Amino acid sequence: MKELLATIAKSLVDNPSMVQVNEVAEEESIKLELKVAPEDMGKVIGKQGRIAKAIRTVVKAAAIKENKRVVVEII
């Protein structure tokens, strides 16, 4: 999951070296924290949050295949 999120985020931003993904294991789910450069934040979120929603959908679909629950948080 972590690699998938990093790959998607790096393809969207202008500064891919600033992309960081932290994985935090919780009781029932996995929380992925995505950090990007401040100037790339709009590219990851998109208009009205559409790109962020699409990223979450793709990561959740991949997690379902592995019978896991994932929460994507953009910091």
PDB file of N, CA and C in Angstrom:
ATOM      1  N   MET A   1       0.817  -1.196   0.000  1.00  0.00           N
ATOM      2  CA  MET A   1       0.000   0.000   0.000  1.00  0.00           C
ATOM      3  C   MET A   1       0.860   1.258   0.000  1.00  0.00           C
ATOM      4  N   LYS A   2       1.877   1.235   0.834  1.00  0.00           N
ATOM      5  CA  LYS A   2       2.756   2.398   0.971  1.00  0.00           C
ATOM      6  C   LYS A   2       3.422   2.736  -0.364  1.00  0.00           C
ATOM      7  N   GLU A   3       3.897   1.720  -1.070  1.00  0.00           N
ATOM      8  CA  GLU A   3       4.569   1.935  -2.346  1.00  0.00           C
ATOM      9  C   GLU A   3       3.596   2.439  -3.402  1.00  0.00           C
ATOM     10  N   LEU A   4       2.377   1.914  -3.389  1.00  0.00           N
ATOM     11  CA  LEU A   4       1.347   2.344  -4.341  1.00  0.00           C
ATOM     12  C   LEU A   4       1.036   3.825  -4.154  1.00  0.00           C
ATOM     13  N   LEU A   5       0.831   4.244  -2.917  1.00  0.00           N
ATOM     14  CA  LEU A   5       0.524   5.641  -2.627  1.00  0.00           C
ATOM     15  C   LEU A   5       1.692   6.546  -3.019  1.00  0.00           C
ATOM     16  N   ALA A   6       2.915   6.121  -2.739  1.00  0.00           N
ATOM     17  CA  ALA A   6       4.088   6.924  -3.095  1.00  0.00           C
ATOM     18  C   ALA A   6       4.217   7.070  -4.610  1.00  0.00           C
ATOM     19  N   THR A   7       3.973   6.001  -5.337  1.00  0.00           N
ATOM     20  CA  THR A   7       4.062   6.039  -6.798  1.00  0.00           C
ATOM     21  C   THR A   7       3.027   6.990  -7.394  1.00  0.00           C
ATOM     22  N   ILE A   8       1.808   6.910  -6.898  1.00  0.00           N
ATOM     23  CA  ILE A   8       0.739   7.793  -7.397  1.00  0.00           C
ATOM     24  C   ILE A   8       1.081   9.251  -7.098  1.00  0.00           C
ATOM     25  N   ALA A   9       1.498   9.532  -5.872  1.00  0.00           N
ATOM     26  CA  ALA A   9       1.793  10.913  -5.470  1.00  0.00           C
ATOM     27  C   ALA A   9       2.973  11.474  -6.254  1.00  0.00           C
ATOM     28  N   LYS A  10       4.014  10.664  -6.454  1.00  0.00           N
ATOM     29  CA  LYS A  10       5.195  11.147  -7.185  1.00  0.00           C
ATOM     30  C   LYS A  10       4.876  11.474  -8.633  1.00  0.00           C
ATOM     31  N   SER A  11       3.913  10.772  -9.209  1.00  0.00           N
ATOM     32  CA  SER A  11       3.553  11.046 -10.599  1.00  0.00           C
ATOM     33  C   SER A  11       2.722  12.332 -10.737  1.00  0.00           C
ATOM     34  N   LEU A  12       2.148  12.807  -9.646  1.00  0.00           N
ATOM     35  CA  LEU A  12       1.306  14.003  -9.698  1.00  0.00           C
ATOM     36  C   LEU A  12       2.060  15.302  -9.437  1.00  0.00           C
ATOM     37  N   VAL A  13       3.095  15.256  -8.625  1.00  0.00           N
ATOM     38  CA  VAL A  13       3.737  16.483  -8.139  1.00  0.00           C
ATOM     39  C   VAL A  13       4.916  16.915  -9.014  1.00  0.00           C
ATOM     40  N   ASP A  14       5.346  18.178  -8.830  1.00  0.00           N
ATOM     41  CA  ASP A  14       6.510  18.705  -9.543  1.00  0.00           C
ATOM     42  C   ASP A  14       7.814  18.328  -8.840  1.00  0.00           C
ATOM     43  N   ASN A  15       7.737  18.099  -7.530  1.00  0.00           N
ATOM     44  CA  ASN A  15       8.926  17.817  -6.740  1.00  0.00           C
ATOM     45  C   ASN A  15       8.789  16.431  -6.090  1.00  0.00           C
ATOM     46  N   PRO A  16       9.017  15.351  -6.858  1.00  0.00           N
ATOM     47  CA  PRO A  16       8.789  14.002  -6.319  1.00  0.00           C
ATOM     48  C   PRO A  16       9.734  13.604  -5.188  1.00  0.00           C
ATOM     49  N   SER A  17      10.865  14.283  -5.051  1.00  0.00           N
ATOM     50  CA  SER A  17      11.788  13.935  -3.973  1.00  0.00           C
ATOM     51  C   SER A  17      11.250  14.334  -2.597  1.00  0.00           C
ATOM     52  N   MET A  18      10.267  15.213  -2.550  1.00  0.00           N
ATOM     53  CA  MET A  18       9.692  15.667  -1.279  1.00  0.00           C
ATOM     54  C   MET A  18       8.522  14.800  -0.811  1.00  0.00           C
ATOM     55  N   VAL A  19       8.135  13.820  -1.604  1.00  0.00           N
ATOM     56  CA  VAL A  19       7.006  12.959  -1.239  1.00  0.00           C
ATOM     57  C   VAL A  19       7.444  11.983  -0.151  1.00  0.00           C
ATOM     58  N   GLN A  20       6.692  11.951   0.941  1.00  0.00           N
ATOM     59  CA  GLN A  20       6.959  11.021   2.038  1.00  0.00           C
ATOM     60  C   GLN A  20       5.658  10.325   2.410  1.00  0.00           C
ATOM     61  N   VAL A  21       5.743   9.008   2.611  1.00  0.00           N
ATOM     62  CA  VAL A  21       4.583   8.240   3.038  1.00  0.00           C
ATOM     63  C   VAL A  21       4.959   7.502   4.316  1.00  0.00           C
ATOM     64  N   ASN A  22       4.224   7.784   5.388  1.00  0.00           N
ATOM     65  CA  ASN A  22       4.436   7.095   6.663  1.00  0.00           C
ATOM     66  C   ASN A  22       3.289   6.140   6.909  1.00  0.00           C
ATOM     67  N   GLU A  23       3.599   4.940   7.341  1.00  0.00           N
ATOM     68  CA  GLU A  23       2.589   3.932   7.623  1.00  0.00           C
ATOM     69  C   GLU A  23       2.453   3.780   9.133  1.00  0.00           C
ATOM     70  N   VAL A  24       1.243   4.001   9.640  1.00  0.00           N
ATOM     71  CA  VAL A  24       0.973   3.880  11.066  1.00  0.00           C
ATOM     72  C   VAL A  24      -0.023   2.742  11.256  1.00  0.00           C
ATOM     73  N   ALA A  25       0.394   1.709  11.959  1.00  0.00           N
ATOM     74  CA  ALA A  25      -0.494   0.564  12.199  1.00  0.00           C
ATOM     75  C   ALA A  25      -1.398   0.861  13.387  1.00  0.00           C
ATOM     76  N   GLU A  26      -2.690   0.728  13.173  1.00  0.00           N
ATOM     77  CA  GLU A  26      -3.663   0.906  14.235  1.00  0.00           C
ATOM     78  C   GLU A  26      -4.340  -0.438  14.488  1.00  0.00           C
ATOM     79  N   GLU A  27      -5.269  -0.483  15.430  1.00  0.00           N
ATOM     80  CA  GLU A  27      -5.896  -1.743  15.816  1.00  0.00           C
ATOM     81  C   GLU A  27      -6.570  -2.458  14.651  1.00  0.00           C
ATOM     82  N   GLU A  28      -7.470  -1.776  13.971  1.00  0.00           N
ATOM     83  CA  GLU A  28      -8.261  -2.426  12.928  1.00  0.00           C
ATOM     84  C   GLU A  28      -7.877  -1.989  11.520  1.00  0.00           C
ATOM     85  N   SER A  29      -6.996  -1.008  11.407  1.00  0.00           N
ATOM     86  CA  SER A  29      -6.692  -0.491  10.080  1.00  0.00           C
ATOM     87  C   SER A  29      -5.243  -0.006   9.998  1.00  0.00           C
ATOM     88  N   ILE A  30      -4.871   0.387   8.799  1.00  0.00           N
ATOM     89  CA  ILE A  30      -3.556   0.967   8.549  1.00  0.00           C
ATOM     90  C   ILE A  30      -3.785   2.407   8.118  1.00  0.00           C
ATOM     91  N   LYS A  31      -3.063   3.330   8.733  1.00  0.00           N
ATOM     92  CA  LYS A  31      -3.181   4.739   8.358  1.00  0.00           C
ATOM     93  C   LYS A  31      -1.937   5.124   7.571  1.00  0.00           C
ATOM     94  N   LEU A  32      -2.135   5.649   6.373  1.00  0.00           N
ATOM     95  CA  LEU A  32      -1.035   6.117   5.542  1.00  0.00           C
ATOM     96  C   LEU A  32      -1.066   7.641   5.540  1.00  0.00           C
ATOM     97  N   GLU A  33       0.043   8.237   5.971  1.00  0.00           N
ATOM     98  CA  GLU A  33       0.146   9.693   6.012  1.00  0.00           C
ATOM     99  C   GLU A  33       0.998  10.151   4.835  1.00  0.00           C
ATOM    100  N   LEU A  34       0.427  10.964   3.975  1.00  0.00           N
ATOM    101  CA  LEU A  34       1.114  11.458   2.782  1.00  0.00           C
ATOM    102  C   LEU A  34       1.552  12.900   3.007  1.00  0.00           C
ATOM    103  N   LYS A  35       2.862  13.141   2.849  1.00  0.00           N
ATOM    104  CA  LYS A  35       3.400  14.495   2.967  1.00  0.00           C
ATOM    105  C   LYS A  35       4.034  14.867   1.631  1.00  0.00           C
ATOM    106  N   VAL A  36       3.689  16.059   1.146  1.00  0.00           N
ATOM    107  CA  VAL A  36       4.279  16.575  -0.090  1.00  0.00           C
ATOM    108  C   VAL A  36       4.745  18.003   0.173  1.00  0.00           C
ATOM    109  N   ALA A  37       5.489  18.565  -0.774  1.00  0.00           N
ATOM    110  CA  ALA A  37       5.937  19.956  -0.661  1.00  0.00           C
ATOM    111  C   ALA A  37       4.719  20.874  -0.646  1.00  0.00           C
ATOM    112  N   PRO A  38       4.798  21.977   0.100  1.00  0.00           N
ATOM    113  CA  PRO A  38       3.629  22.882   0.194  1.00  0.00           C
ATOM    114  C   PRO A  38       3.106  23.363  -1.161  1.00  0.00           C
ATOM    115  N   GLU A  39       4.009  23.603  -2.119  1.00  0.00           N
ATOM    116  CA  GLU A  39       3.556  24.089  -3.432  1.00  0.00           C
ATOM    117  C   GLU A  39       2.876  23.000  -4.257  1.00  0.00           C
ATOM    118  N   ASP A  40       3.054  21.731  -3.871  1.00  0.00           N
ATOM    119  CA  ASP A  40       2.424  20.619  -4.583  1.00  0.00           C
ATOM    120  C   ASP A  40       1.125  20.149  -3.926  1.00  0.00           C
ATOM    121  N   MET A  41       0.763  20.748  -2.820  1.00  0.00           N
ATOM    122  CA  MET A  41      -0.426  20.313  -2.073  1.00  0.00           C
ATOM    123  C   MET A  41      -1.689  20.386  -2.934  1.00  0.00           C
ATOM    124  N   GLY A  42      -1.836  21.449  -3.711  1.00  0.00           N
ATOM    125  CA  GLY A  42      -3.018  21.612  -4.556  1.00  0.00           C
ATOM    126  C   GLY A  42      -3.115  20.551  -5.632  1.00  0.00           C
ATOM    127  N   LYS A  43      -1.977  20.088  -6.126  1.00  0.00           N
ATOM    128  CA  LYS A  43      -1.977  19.057  -7.164  1.00  0.00           C
ATOM    129  C   LYS A  43      -2.410  17.717  -6.615  1.00  0.00           C
ATOM    130  N   VAL A  44      -2.115  17.456  -5.353  1.00  0.00           N
ATOM    131  CA  VAL A  44      -2.489  16.186  -4.738  1.00  0.00           C
ATOM    132  C   VAL A  44      -3.953  16.214  -4.313  1.00  0.00           C
ATOM    133  N   ILE A  45      -4.434  17.371  -3.885  1.00  0.00           N
ATOM    134  CA  ILE A  45      -5.829  17.474  -3.441  1.00  0.00           C
ATOM    135  C   ILE A  45      -6.776  17.647  -4.623  1.00  0.00           C
ATOM    136  N   GLY A  46      -6.433  18.515  -5.557  1.00  0.00           N
ATOM    137  CA  GLY A  46      -7.276  18.737  -6.728  1.00  0.00           C
ATOM    138  C   GLY A  46      -8.452  19.650  -6.436  1.00  0.00           C
ATOM    139  N   LYS A  47      -9.162  20.005  -7.504  1.00  0.00           N
ATOM    140  CA  LYS A  47     -10.335  20.873  -7.340  1.00  0.00           C
ATOM    141  C   LYS A  47     -11.415  20.128  -6.574  1.00  0.00           C
ATOM    142  N   GLN A  48     -11.885  20.747  -5.519  1.00  0.00           N
ATOM    143  CA  GLN A  48     -12.928  20.191  -4.649  1.00  0.00           C
ATOM    144  C   GLN A  48     -12.550  18.808  -4.108  1.00  0.00           C
ATOM    145  N   GLY A  49     -11.244  18.537  -4.009  1.00  0.00           N
ATOM    146  CA  GLY A  49     -10.779  17.283  -3.426  1.00  0.00           C
ATOM    147  C   GLY A  49     -10.954  16.060  -4.303  1.00  0.00           C
ATOM    148  N   ARG A  50     -11.147  16.267  -5.589  1.00  0.00           N
ATOM    149  CA  ARG A  50     -11.413  15.135  -6.485  1.00  0.00           C
ATOM    150  C   ARG A  50     -10.228  14.196  -6.623  1.00  0.00           C
ATOM    151  N   ILE A  51      -9.024  14.737  -6.750  1.00  0.00           N
ATOM    152  CA  ILE A  51      -7.842  13.880  -6.905  1.00  0.00           C
ATOM    153  C   ILE A  51      -7.573  13.128  -5.603  1.00  0.00           C
ATOM    154  N   ALA A  52      -7.721  13.803  -4.473  1.00  0.00           N
ATOM    155  CA  ALA A  52      -7.523  13.141  -3.180  1.00  0.00           C
ATOM    156  C   ALA A  52      -8.524  11.993  -3.010  1.00  0.00           C
ATOM    157  N   LYS A  53      -9.744  12.223  -3.412  1.00  0.00           N
ATOM    158  CA  LYS A  53     -10.767  11.174  -3.316  1.00  0.00           C
ATOM    159  C   LYS A  53     -10.424  10.001  -4.228  1.00  0.00           C
ATOM    160  N   ALA A  54      -9.923  10.291  -5.430  1.00  0.00           N
ATOM    161  CA  ALA A  54      -9.541   9.234  -6.362  1.00  0.00           C
ATOM    162  C   ALA A  54      -8.364   8.419  -5.818  1.00  0.00           C
ATOM    163  N   ILE A  55      -7.396   9.103  -5.216  1.00  0.00           N
ATOM    164  CA  ILE A  55      -6.252   8.408  -4.618  1.00  0.00           C
ATOM    165  C   ILE A  55      -6.735   7.472  -3.515  1.00  0.00           C
ATOM    166  N   ARG A  56      -7.610   7.979  -2.655  1.00  0.00           N
ATOM    167  CA  ARG A  56      -8.145   7.147  -1.561  1.00  0.00           C
ATOM    168  C   ARG A  56      -8.897   5.941  -2.110  1.00  0.00           C
ATOM    169  N   THR A  57      -9.654   6.122  -3.175  1.00  0.00           N
ATOM    170  CA  THR A  57     -10.415   5.029  -3.769  1.00  0.00           C
ATOM    171  C   THR A  57      -9.498   3.940  -4.309  1.00  0.00           C
ATOM    172  N   VAL A  58      -8.436   4.332  -5.003  1.00  0.00           N
ATOM    173  CA  VAL A  58      -7.502   3.355  -5.563  1.00  0.00           C
ATOM    174  C   VAL A  58      -6.788   2.580  -4.458  1.00  0.00           C
ATOM    175  N   VAL A  59      -6.340   3.290  -3.429  1.00  0.00           N
ATOM    176  CA  VAL A  59      -5.624   2.628  -2.328  1.00  0.00           C
ATOM    177  C   VAL A  59      -6.561   1.701  -1.553  1.00  0.00           C
ATOM    178  N   LYS A  60      -7.790   2.134  -1.335  1.00  0.00           N
ATOM    179  CA  LYS A  60      -8.756   1.268  -0.631  1.00  0.00           C
ATOM    180  C   LYS A  60      -9.079   0.028  -1.450  1.00  0.00           C
ATOM    181  N   ALA A  61      -9.181   0.173  -2.766  1.00  0.00           N
ATOM    182  CA  ALA A  61      -9.455  -0.982  -3.624  1.00  0.00           C
ATOM    183  C   ALA A  61      -8.313  -1.981  -3.554  1.00  0.00           C
ATOM    184  N   ALA A  62      -7.078  -1.494  -3.530  1.00  0.00           N
ATOM    185  CA  ALA A  62      -5.927  -2.388  -3.406  1.00  0.00           C
ATOM    186  C   ALA A  62      -5.907  -3.056  -2.034  1.00  0.00           C
ATOM    187  N   ALA A  63      -6.342  -2.337  -1.014  1.00  0.00           N
ATOM    188  CA  ALA A  63      -6.355  -2.892   0.339  1.00  0.00           C
ATOM    189  C   ALA A  63      -7.407  -3.986   0.486  1.00  0.00           C
ATOM    190  N   ILE A  64      -8.515  -3.833  -0.193  1.00  0.00           N
ATOM    191  CA  ILE A  64      -9.586  -4.839  -0.116  1.00  0.00           C
ATOM    192  C   ILE A  64      -9.094  -6.177  -0.645  1.00  0.00           C
ATOM    193  N   LYS A  65      -8.260  -6.144  -1.671  1.00  0.00           N
ATOM    194  CA  LYS A  65      -7.710  -7.391  -2.211  1.00  0.00           C
ATOM    195  C   LYS A  65      -6.879  -8.132  -1.173  1.00  0.00           C
ATOM    196  N   GLU A  66      -6.284  -7.387  -0.246  1.00  0.00           N
ATOM    197  CA  GLU A  66      -5.457  -7.993   0.800  1.00  0.00           C
ATOM    198  C   GLU A  66      -6.219  -8.119   2.118  1.00  0.00           C
ATOM    199  N   ASN A  67      -7.516  -7.896   2.087  1.00  0.00           N
ATOM    200  CA  ASN A  67      -8.382  -7.972   3.274  1.00  0.00           C
ATOM    201  C   ASN A  67      -7.899  -7.053   4.393  1.00  0.00           C
ATOM    202  N   LYS A  68      -7.569  -5.834   4.032  1.00  0.00           N
ATOM    203  CA  LYS A  68      -7.129  -4.838   5.005  1.00  0.00           C
ATOM    204  C   LYS A  68      -7.968  -3.590   4.858  1.00  0.00           C
ATOM    205  N   ARG A  69      -7.931  -2.745   5.889  1.00  0.00           N
ATOM    206  CA  ARG A  69      -8.632  -1.473   5.850  1.00  0.00           C
ATOM    207  C   ARG A  69      -7.582  -0.369   5.924  1.00  0.00           C
ATOM    208  N   VAL A  70      -7.643   0.567   4.987  1.00  0.00           N
ATOM    209  CA  VAL A  70      -6.635   1.616   4.894  1.00  0.00           C
ATOM    210  C   VAL A  70      -7.295   2.985   4.928  1.00  0.00           C
ATOM    211  N   VAL A  71      -6.661   3.896   5.668  1.00  0.00           N
ATOM    212  CA  VAL A  71      -7.093   5.303   5.714  1.00  0.00           C
ATOM    213  C   VAL A  71      -5.934   6.132   5.172  1.00  0.00           C
ATOM    214  N   VAL A  72      -6.210   6.976   4.183  1.00  0.00           N
ATOM    215  CA  VAL A  72      -5.176   7.842   3.605  1.00  0.00           C
ATOM    216  C   VAL A  72      -5.402   9.249   4.122  1.00  0.00           C
ATOM    217  N   GLU A  73      -4.366   9.813   4.722  1.00  0.00           N
ATOM    218  CA  GLU A  73      -4.445  11.149   5.286  1.00  0.00           C
ATOM    219  C   GLU A  73      -3.388  12.024   4.625  1.00  0.00           C
ATOM    220  N   ILE A  74      -3.785  13.164   4.095  1.00  0.00           N
ATOM    221  CA  ILE A  74      -2.852  14.074   3.449  1.00  0.00           C
ATOM    222  C   ILE A  74      -2.486  15.169   4.449  1.00  0.00           C
ATOM    223  N   ILE A  75      -1.194  15.262   4.730  1.00  0.00           N
ATOM    224  CA  ILE A  75      -0.730  16.211   5.766  1.00  0.00           C
ATOM    225  C   ILE A  75      -0.028  17.371   5.101  1.00  0.00           C
TER     226      ILE A  75
END
